[in-house]
Protein backbone atom coordinates (compact mmCIF):
# COMPACT_ATOMS: atom_id res chain seq x y z
CA MET A 1 -19.17 -3.06 -21.73
CA VAL A 2 -18.74 -3.98 -25.38
CA LYS A 3 -18.70 -7.77 -25.65
CA GLY A 4 -15.99 -9.48 -27.64
CA LYS A 5 -13.39 -6.82 -26.99
CA ILE A 6 -10.23 -7.10 -24.91
CA ASN A 7 -9.67 -4.32 -22.39
CA ILE A 8 -6.00 -3.43 -21.91
CA ALA A 9 -4.45 -0.80 -19.65
CA VAL A 10 -0.99 0.41 -20.66
CA SER A 11 1.67 2.52 -18.98
CA GLY A 12 4.19 5.11 -20.10
CA GLY A 13 7.96 4.97 -20.27
CA SER A 14 10.56 3.84 -22.77
CA THR A 15 9.82 0.12 -22.57
CA PRO A 16 6.16 0.37 -23.69
CA VAL A 17 7.25 2.67 -26.52
CA MET A 18 9.49 -0.12 -27.83
CA LEU A 19 6.56 -2.53 -27.65
CA PHE A 20 4.24 -0.07 -29.38
CA SER A 21 6.76 0.39 -32.18
CA LEU A 22 6.86 -3.36 -32.74
CA LEU A 23 3.08 -3.68 -32.70
CA ALA A 24 2.81 -0.89 -35.26
CA GLU A 25 4.46 -3.17 -37.81
CA GLU A 26 1.13 -4.52 -38.98
CA ASN A 27 2.68 -6.67 -41.65
CA LYS A 28 4.58 -8.49 -38.91
CA PHE A 29 1.84 -8.78 -36.31
CA LYS A 30 -1.65 -9.43 -37.67
CA VAL A 31 -3.74 -7.84 -34.95
CA GLN A 32 -7.48 -7.28 -35.15
CA TRP A 33 -7.36 -3.84 -33.62
CA SER A 34 -11.13 -3.44 -33.74
CA GLY A 35 -11.27 -5.95 -30.89
CA VAL A 36 -8.87 -4.11 -28.56
CA ASN A 37 -9.82 -1.32 -26.15
CA PHE A 38 -6.95 0.76 -24.78
CA TYR A 39 -6.97 2.38 -21.35
CA TRP A 40 -4.16 3.80 -19.20
CA ALA A 41 -2.71 2.60 -15.92
CA ASP A 42 -1.55 6.15 -15.28
CA GLU A 43 -1.07 9.50 -16.94
CA ARG A 44 0.83 12.69 -16.25
CA CYS A 45 -1.34 15.78 -15.82
CA VAL A 46 -0.25 17.39 -19.07
CA ARG A 47 -1.84 18.06 -22.44
CA PRO A 48 -2.02 15.09 -24.84
CA ASP A 49 0.47 16.76 -27.20
CA ASP A 50 3.02 17.26 -24.41
CA ALA A 51 6.23 15.25 -24.75
CA GLN A 52 5.60 13.76 -21.27
CA SER A 53 2.12 12.47 -22.09
CA ASN A 54 1.75 8.68 -21.87
CA PHE A 55 -1.11 8.87 -24.34
CA GLY A 56 1.05 11.00 -26.64
CA SER A 57 3.77 8.36 -26.70
CA ALA A 58 1.30 5.62 -27.60
CA ASN A 59 -0.38 7.86 -30.16
CA ASN A 60 2.87 8.74 -31.92
CA THR A 61 4.26 5.21 -32.03
CA LEU A 62 1.17 2.98 -32.31
CA PHE A 63 -2.20 4.62 -32.88
CA ARG A 64 -1.15 6.86 -35.78
CA ASN A 65 0.47 3.94 -37.52
CA THR A 66 -2.37 1.43 -37.27
CA ASN A 67 -6.08 1.25 -37.96
CA ILE A 68 -7.13 1.23 -34.30
CA PRO A 69 -10.63 2.77 -34.15
CA LYS A 70 -10.68 6.06 -32.27
CA GLU A 71 -13.59 4.85 -30.17
CA ASN A 72 -11.33 2.08 -28.82
CA ILE A 73 -8.92 4.58 -27.29
CA HIS A 74 -9.96 5.71 -23.81
CA ARG A 75 -7.34 8.16 -22.66
CA ILE A 76 -7.04 9.92 -19.34
CA PHE A 77 -7.54 13.65 -19.91
CA GLY A 78 -4.32 14.88 -18.35
CA GLU A 79 -5.20 18.45 -19.21
CA ASN A 80 -8.24 18.40 -16.89
CA GLU A 81 -8.33 19.32 -13.22
CA PRO A 82 -6.74 16.26 -11.54
CA ASP A 83 -9.33 15.42 -8.88
CA GLU A 84 -12.20 15.85 -11.31
CA GLU A 85 -10.44 13.73 -13.93
CA ALA A 86 -9.83 10.91 -11.45
CA VAL A 87 -13.57 10.83 -10.77
CA ARG A 88 -14.45 11.02 -14.47
CA TYR A 89 -12.09 8.21 -15.45
CA SER A 90 -13.34 6.04 -12.61
CA ALA A 91 -16.84 6.43 -14.04
CA VAL A 92 -15.57 5.49 -17.52
CA LEU A 93 -14.13 2.27 -16.11
CA ARG A 94 -17.33 1.43 -14.27
CA LYS A 95 -19.37 1.98 -17.43
CA ASN A 96 -17.17 0.20 -19.95
CA ILE A 97 -15.50 -2.66 -18.10
CA ALA A 98 -17.03 -5.70 -16.44
CA GLN A 99 -17.13 -5.41 -12.66
CA VAL A 100 -15.69 -8.32 -10.69
CA ASN A 101 -15.30 -8.12 -6.91
CA ASN A 102 -17.01 -4.70 -7.24
CA LEU A 103 -14.02 -3.48 -9.24
CA PRO A 104 -13.29 -3.08 -12.96
CA GLN A 105 -11.53 -6.17 -14.26
CA PHE A 106 -9.09 -5.58 -17.10
CA ASP A 107 -8.16 -8.48 -19.32
CA LEU A 108 -4.55 -7.30 -19.27
CA ILE A 109 -2.55 -4.56 -17.59
CA LEU A 110 0.96 -3.75 -18.81
CA LEU A 111 3.13 -2.24 -16.10
CA GLY A 112 6.69 -1.14 -15.60
CA THR A 113 8.64 -0.23 -12.51
CA GLY A 114 11.03 2.59 -11.75
CA GLU A 115 14.38 2.66 -9.98
CA ASP A 116 12.45 3.45 -6.78
CA GLY A 117 10.14 0.45 -7.24
CA HIS A 118 7.07 2.48 -8.17
CA THR A 119 4.54 1.11 -10.60
CA ALA A 120 1.80 2.95 -12.49
CA SER A 121 2.00 6.21 -10.49
CA ILE A 122 2.02 4.57 -7.08
CA PHE A 123 5.21 5.81 -5.43
CA PRO A 124 6.91 4.57 -2.23
CA ASP A 125 5.77 7.63 -0.29
CA GLN A 126 2.14 7.09 -1.33
CA MET A 127 1.61 3.44 -0.43
CA GLU A 128 -1.96 4.19 0.63
CA LEU A 129 -2.90 4.14 -3.05
CA LEU A 130 -2.32 0.39 -3.02
CA THR A 131 -5.33 -0.12 -0.78
CA SER A 132 -7.49 2.85 -1.79
CA GLU A 133 -11.19 2.19 -2.30
CA LYS A 134 -11.16 4.46 -5.37
CA ASN A 135 -10.70 3.13 -8.89
CA CYS A 136 -8.45 6.07 -9.81
CA ALA A 137 -6.64 8.59 -7.67
CA VAL A 138 -4.36 11.60 -7.92
CA ALA A 139 -0.70 10.88 -7.22
CA VAL A 140 2.18 13.33 -6.89
CA HIS A 141 5.64 12.60 -8.22
CA PRO A 142 7.94 12.81 -5.15
CA GLU A 143 10.67 14.78 -6.93
CA SER A 144 8.96 16.94 -9.55
CA ASN A 145 5.68 17.39 -7.61
CA GLN A 146 3.89 16.75 -10.89
CA ASN A 147 0.30 15.57 -10.52
CA ARG A 148 -0.63 12.26 -12.09
CA ILE A 149 -3.76 10.16 -12.40
CA THR A 150 -3.29 6.48 -11.56
CA LEU A 151 -5.20 3.26 -11.24
CA THR A 152 -5.13 2.17 -7.62
CA GLY A 153 -3.65 -1.06 -6.33
CA LYS A 154 -6.93 -2.93 -5.90
CA VAL A 155 -7.97 -2.26 -9.50
CA ILE A 156 -4.57 -3.32 -10.80
CA SER A 157 -4.52 -6.55 -8.81
CA ASN A 158 -8.07 -7.34 -9.95
CA ALA A 159 -6.92 -7.80 -13.57
CA GLU A 160 -6.99 -11.22 -15.22
CA ARG A 161 -3.38 -10.79 -16.38
CA ILE A 162 -0.65 -8.44 -15.24
CA TYR A 163 2.58 -8.26 -17.20
CA PHE A 164 5.56 -6.28 -15.96
CA LEU A 165 7.88 -5.15 -18.76
CA VAL A 166 11.22 -3.98 -17.37
CA THR A 167 14.43 -3.01 -19.13
CA GLY A 168 17.72 -1.54 -17.99
CA ASN A 169 20.45 -2.25 -15.45
CA SER A 170 19.40 0.68 -13.26
CA LYS A 171 16.39 -1.37 -12.09
CA ALA A 172 18.22 -4.68 -11.64
CA ARG A 173 18.69 -4.44 -7.86
CA VAL A 174 15.05 -3.49 -7.30
CA ILE A 175 13.90 -6.41 -9.46
CA GLU A 176 16.20 -8.81 -7.61
CA SER A 177 14.79 -7.66 -4.28
CA ILE A 178 11.15 -7.95 -5.38
CA LEU A 179 11.33 -11.29 -7.17
CA ASN A 180 13.49 -12.97 -4.52
CA LYS A 181 11.70 -11.25 -1.63
CA LYS A 182 15.00 -10.01 -0.29
CA GLY A 183 15.65 -7.33 2.30
CA ASP A 184 13.07 -4.57 2.63
CA TYR A 185 11.43 -5.41 -0.70
CA LEU A 186 7.99 -4.51 0.65
CA LYS A 187 8.95 -0.84 0.53
CA TYR A 188 8.52 -1.06 -3.25
CA PRO A 189 4.95 -0.58 -4.53
CA ALA A 190 5.57 -3.05 -7.37
CA ALA A 191 6.11 -5.81 -4.80
CA HIS A 192 2.50 -5.44 -3.65
CA ILE A 193 0.90 -6.16 -7.02
CA HIS A 194 -0.62 -9.62 -6.80
CA PRO A 195 -3.58 -10.69 -8.99
CA ASP A 196 -6.43 -11.89 -6.81
CA ASN A 197 -7.43 -14.62 -9.26
CA GLY A 198 -5.25 -13.90 -12.25
CA VAL A 199 -1.78 -14.29 -13.72
CA LEU A 200 1.30 -12.20 -12.94
CA LYS A 201 4.36 -12.38 -15.21
CA TRP A 202 7.61 -10.45 -15.36
CA TYR A 203 9.38 -9.89 -18.67
CA LEU A 204 12.93 -8.61 -18.22
CA ASP A 205 15.76 -7.82 -20.59
CA LYS A 206 19.26 -9.12 -19.84
CA GLU A 207 20.28 -5.96 -17.97
CA ALA A 208 17.22 -5.84 -15.73
CA ALA A 209 17.60 -9.55 -14.91
CA GLU A 210 21.34 -9.32 -14.17
CA PHE A 211 21.18 -10.07 -10.47
CA THR A 212 17.97 -12.09 -10.49
CA VAL A 213 19.25 -14.85 -12.75
CA ASN A 214 22.52 -15.11 -10.87
CA SER A 215 21.02 -15.29 -7.40
């Protein structure tokens, strides 16, 4: 592990892209990028130049527009064979990140959640990934059958800080259920993310918080 650097895991989706675009305005946010290491909470098994690549989105909106050192960017190789890449990336995390509770401990993980309550690439039909003993695992999107590499639940919950960034009315009912522990909220993977000794925060736009703030 390189001392003095913050280790952050980021996700894909439209909300992180908005954040990356803001962070790329270096005249507005004075960030010492040399002190930030970027990792991924999950990645689609596609080439880095594919439009679906989570790394590609971050690269196009943030990395290309800032002076982030290339050695600080630790992407998941989505173009590799999925099972082999899950093993390789697990080894990267063990080598580079401090181990706490026998697990890598990120300083910060940025997550989102889908309309089905998934987070990272842990989907409702693959809840076993929440308790997997692996650092990284192969997930399968339930509709497209696309392979993905994801951090597992134990690694995510081992982070010092976990921030959910959620936008859009289509997720409002799921958010209401999770935050208010209503109904069958435990069917949503995002409801099972709880830092063991860290901080969990939810950042919602007006649409995503529609039912939560009124309940």
